[in-house]
Amino acid sequence: MEEIGKIIEKLREWAQTVIDTLFNPEGQAEPELIPVPVKNNPRRRY
């Protein structure tokens, strides 16, 4: 029975971690977008 109690406690800790991660109002900051250079060739028409 002691082992079952340990497993339940670990599951409870894991569930709390998942809930905190999903519903944390602060969350992770979105990564800053990196500008990608684009060739601008005015002679070429599509």
PDB file of N, CA and C in Angstrom:
ATOM      1  N   MET A   1       0.822  -1.202   0.000  1.00  0.00           N
ATOM      2  CA  MET A   1       0.000   0.000   0.000  1.00  0.00           C
ATOM      3  C   MET A   1       0.861   1.259   0.000  1.00  0.00           C
ATOM      4  N   GLU A   2       2.009   1.167   0.624  1.00  0.00           N
ATOM      5  CA  GLU A   2       2.896   2.336   0.678  1.00  0.00           C
ATOM      6  C   GLU A   2       3.330   2.767  -0.719  1.00  0.00           C
ATOM      7  N   GLU A   3       3.589   1.788  -1.593  1.00  0.00           N
ATOM      8  CA  GLU A   3       4.021   2.104  -2.958  1.00  0.00           C
ATOM      9  C   GLU A   3       2.911   2.804  -3.734  1.00  0.00           C
ATOM     10  N   ILE A   4       1.681   2.370  -3.537  1.00  0.00           N
ATOM     11  CA  ILE A   4       0.546   3.004  -4.209  1.00  0.00           C
ATOM     12  C   ILE A   4       0.421   4.457  -3.757  1.00  0.00           C
ATOM     13  N   GLY A   5       0.627   4.703  -2.487  1.00  0.00           N
ATOM     14  CA  GLY A   5       0.576   6.067  -1.961  1.00  0.00           C
ATOM     15  C   GLY A   5       1.644   6.950  -2.582  1.00  0.00           C
ATOM     16  N   LYS A   6       2.850   6.401  -2.777  1.00  0.00           N
ATOM     17  CA  LYS A   6       3.940   7.157  -3.413  1.00  0.00           C
ATOM     18  C   LYS A   6       3.597   7.485  -4.864  1.00  0.00           C
ATOM     19  N   ILE A   7       3.021   6.497  -5.558  1.00  0.00           N
ATOM     20  CA  ILE A   7       2.651   6.711  -6.956  1.00  0.00           C
ATOM     21  C   ILE A   7       1.570   7.790  -7.069  1.00  0.00           C
ATOM     22  N   ILE A   8       0.580   7.720  -6.179  1.00  0.00           N
ATOM     23  CA  ILE A   8      -0.493   8.720  -6.196  1.00  0.00           C
ATOM     24  C   ILE A   8       0.061  10.107  -5.906  1.00  0.00           C
ATOM     25  N   GLU A   9       0.982  10.203  -4.975  1.00  0.00           N
ATOM     26  CA  GLU A   9       1.585  11.501  -4.658  1.00  0.00           C
ATOM     27  C   GLU A   9       2.373  12.055  -5.846  1.00  0.00           C
ATOM     28  N   LYS A  10       3.120  11.189  -6.529  1.00  0.00           N
ATOM     29  CA  LYS A  10       3.875  11.632  -7.717  1.00  0.00           C
ATOM     30  C   LYS A  10       2.920  12.100  -8.818  1.00  0.00           C
ATOM     31  N   LEU A  11       1.814  11.360  -9.014  1.00  0.00           N
ATOM     32  CA  LEU A  11       0.822  11.766 -10.008  1.00  0.00           C
ATOM     33  C   LEU A  11       0.189  13.105  -9.643  1.00  0.00           C
ATOM     34  N   ARG A  12      -0.061  13.296  -8.370  1.00  0.00           N
ATOM     35  CA  ARG A  12      -0.639  14.561  -7.903  1.00  0.00           C
ATOM     36  C   ARG A  12       0.320  15.719  -8.167  1.00  0.00           C
ATOM     37  N   GLU A  13       1.612  15.520  -7.893  1.00  0.00           N
ATOM     38  CA  GLU A  13       2.621  16.557  -8.152  1.00  0.00           C
ATOM     39  C   GLU A  13       2.715  16.848  -9.647  1.00  0.00           C
ATOM     40  N   TRP A  14       2.709  15.774 -10.468  1.00  0.00           N
ATOM     41  CA  TRP A  14       2.793  15.950 -11.914  1.00  0.00           C
ATOM     42  C   TRP A  14       1.579  16.722 -12.430  1.00  0.00           C
ATOM     43  N   ALA A  15       0.391  16.371 -11.955  1.00  0.00           N
ATOM     44  CA  ALA A  15      -0.829  17.055 -12.385  1.00  0.00           C
ATOM     45  C   ALA A  15      -0.790  18.528 -11.990  1.00  0.00           C
ATOM     46  N   GLN A  16      -0.295  18.820 -10.808  1.00  0.00           N
ATOM     47  CA  GLN A  16      -0.208  20.212 -10.364  1.00  0.00           C
ATOM     48  C   GLN A  16       0.760  20.999 -11.249  1.00  0.00           C
ATOM     49  N   THR A  17       1.860  20.367 -11.618  1.00  0.00           N
ATOM     50  CA  THR A  17       2.829  21.018 -12.501  1.00  0.00           C
ATOM     51  C   THR A  17       2.205  21.311 -13.857  1.00  0.00           C
ATOM     52  N   VAL A  18       1.457  20.352 -14.401  1.00  0.00           N
ATOM     53  CA  VAL A  18       0.807  20.548 -15.693  1.00  0.00           C
ATOM     54  C   VAL A  18      -0.218  21.670 -15.604  1.00  0.00           C
ATOM     55  N   ILE A  19      -1.020  21.677 -14.568  1.00  0.00           N
ATOM     56  CA  ILE A  19      -2.041  22.720 -14.396  1.00  0.00           C
ATOM     57  C   ILE A  19      -1.385  24.090 -14.256  1.00  0.00           C
ATOM     58  N   ASP A  20      -0.336  24.177 -13.456  1.00  0.00           N
ATOM     59  CA  ASP A  20       0.361  25.452 -13.293  1.00  0.00           C
ATOM     60  C   ASP A  20       0.933  25.941 -14.614  1.00  0.00           C
ATOM     61  N   THR A  21       1.473  25.031 -15.410  1.00  0.00           N
ATOM     62  CA  THR A  21       2.065  25.409 -16.686  1.00  0.00           C
ATOM     63  C   THR A  21       1.000  25.879 -17.665  1.00  0.00           C
ATOM     64  N   LEU A  22      -0.132  25.192 -17.720  1.00  0.00           N
ATOM     65  CA  LEU A  22      -1.175  25.547 -18.679  1.00  0.00           C
ATOM     66  C   LEU A  22      -1.917  26.827 -18.305  1.00  0.00           C
ATOM     67  N   PHE A  23      -2.154  27.036 -17.038  1.00  0.00           N
ATOM     68  CA  PHE A  23      -3.000  28.150 -16.613  1.00  0.00           C
ATOM     69  C   PHE A  23      -2.241  29.284 -15.939  1.00  0.00           C
ATOM     70  N   ASN A  24      -0.927  29.292 -16.059  1.00  0.00           N
ATOM     71  CA  ASN A  24      -0.127  30.359 -15.469  1.00  0.00           C
ATOM     72  C   ASN A  24      -0.412  31.651 -16.235  1.00  0.00           C
ATOM     73  N   PRO A  25      -0.912  32.685 -15.561  1.00  0.00           N
ATOM     74  CA  PRO A  25      -1.241  33.926 -16.270  1.00  0.00           C
ATOM     75  C   PRO A  25      -0.011  34.611 -16.861  1.00  0.00           C
ATOM     76  N   GLU A  26       1.142  34.432 -16.245  1.00  0.00           N
ATOM     77  CA  GLU A  26       2.348  35.074 -16.758  1.00  0.00           C
ATOM     78  C   GLU A  26       2.812  34.357 -18.025  1.00  0.00           C
ATOM     79  N   GLY A  27       2.867  33.061 -17.962  1.00  0.00           N
ATOM     80  CA  GLY A  27       3.256  32.271 -19.126  1.00  0.00           C
ATOM     81  C   GLY A  27       4.663  32.581 -19.578  1.00  0.00           C
ATOM     82  N   GLN A  28       5.009  32.040 -20.705  1.00  0.00           N
ATOM     83  CA  GLN A  28       6.316  32.315 -21.275  1.00  0.00           C
ATOM     84  C   GLN A  28       6.181  33.449 -22.272  1.00  0.00           C
ATOM     85  N   ALA A  29       7.189  34.285 -22.320  1.00  0.00           N
ATOM     86  CA  ALA A  29       7.184  35.387 -23.263  1.00  0.00           C
ATOM     87  C   ALA A  29       7.306  34.826 -24.682  1.00  0.00           C
ATOM     88  N   GLU A  30       6.578  35.462 -25.593  1.00  0.00           N
ATOM     89  CA  GLU A  30       6.669  35.013 -26.979  1.00  0.00           C
ATOM     90  C   GLU A  30       8.029  35.410 -27.531  1.00  0.00           C
ATOM     91  N   PRO A  31       8.616  34.548 -28.322  1.00  0.00           N
ATOM     92  CA  PRO A  31       9.924  34.888 -28.877  1.00  0.00           C
ATOM     93  C   PRO A  31       9.818  36.075 -29.825  1.00  0.00           C
ATOM     94  N   GLU A  32      10.864  36.881 -29.847  1.00  0.00           N
ATOM     95  CA  GLU A  32      10.878  38.050 -30.712  1.00  0.00           C
ATOM     96  C   GLU A  32      11.060  37.585 -32.159  1.00  0.00           C
ATOM     97  N   LEU A  33      10.260  38.156 -33.053  1.00  0.00           N
ATOM     98  CA  LEU A  33      10.340  37.775 -34.456  1.00  0.00           C
ATOM     99  C   LEU A  33      11.627  38.315 -35.074  1.00  0.00           C
ATOM    100  N   ILE A  34      12.213  37.538 -35.955  1.00  0.00           N
ATOM    101  CA  ILE A  34      13.447  37.929 -36.625  1.00  0.00           C
ATOM    102  C   ILE A  34      13.096  38.348 -38.048  1.00  0.00           C
ATOM    103  N   PRO A  35      13.478  39.570 -38.444  1.00  0.00           N
ATOM    104  CA  PRO A  35      13.162  39.999 -39.805  1.00  0.00           C
ATOM    105  C   PRO A  35      13.952  39.173 -40.830  1.00  0.00           C
ATOM    106  N   VAL A  36      13.285  38.834 -41.907  1.00  0.00           N
ATOM    107  CA  VAL A  36      13.923  38.055 -42.973  1.00  0.00           C
ATOM    108  C   VAL A  36      14.084  38.960 -44.179  1.00  0.00           C
ATOM    109  N   PRO A  37      15.318  39.118 -44.674  1.00  0.00           N
ATOM    110  CA  PRO A  37      15.508  39.980 -45.843  1.00  0.00           C
ATOM    111  C   PRO A  37      14.845  39.379 -47.092  1.00  0.00           C
ATOM    112  N   VAL A  38      14.220  40.256 -47.877  1.00  0.00           N
ATOM    113  CA  VAL A  38      13.549  39.830 -49.098  1.00  0.00           C
ATOM    114  C   VAL A  38      14.072  40.690 -50.231  1.00  0.00           C
ATOM    115  N   LYS A  39      14.455  40.037 -51.331  1.00  0.00           N
ATOM    116  CA  LYS A  39      14.912  40.801 -52.488  1.00  0.00           C
ATOM    117  C   LYS A  39      13.720  41.516 -53.099  1.00  0.00           C
ATOM    118  N   ASN A  40      13.899  42.794 -53.353  1.00  0.00           N
ATOM    119  CA  ASN A  40      12.845  43.596 -53.953  1.00  0.00           C
ATOM    120  C   ASN A  40      13.318  43.989 -55.349  1.00  0.00           C
ATOM    121  N   ASN A  41      12.873  43.248 -56.352  1.00  0.00           N
ATOM    122  CA  ASN A  41      13.284  43.491 -57.732  1.00  0.00           C
ATOM    123  C   ASN A  41      12.117  44.131 -58.476  1.00  0.00           C
ATOM    124  N   PRO A  42      12.158  45.479 -58.679  1.00  0.00           N
ATOM    125  CA  PRO A  42      11.011  46.158 -59.312  1.00  0.00           C
ATOM    126  C   PRO A  42      10.827  45.785 -60.783  1.00  0.00           C
ATOM    127  N   ARG A  43      11.861  45.285 -61.462  1.00  0.00           N
ATOM    128  CA  ARG A  43      11.729  44.944 -62.879  1.00  0.00           C
ATOM    129  C   ARG A  43      10.899  43.672 -63.080  1.00  0.00           C
ATOM    130  N   ARG A  44      10.874  42.833 -62.102  1.00  0.00           N
ATOM    131  CA  ARG A  44      10.192  41.541 -62.235  1.00  0.00           C
ATOM    132  C   ARG A  44       8.733  41.670 -61.792  1.00  0.00           C
ATOM    133  N   ARG A  45       7.826  41.300 -62.675  1.00  0.00           N
ATOM    134  CA  ARG A  45       6.397  41.343 -62.342  1.00  0.00           C
ATOM    135  C   ARG A  45       5.861  39.938 -62.266  1.00  0.00           C
ATOM    136  N   TYR A  46       4.914  39.723 -61.402  1.00  0.00           N
ATOM    137  CA  TYR A  46       4.336  38.391 -61.234  1.00  0.00           C
ATOM    138  C   TYR A  46       3.038  38.272 -61.955  1.00  0.00           C
TER     139      TYR A  46
END
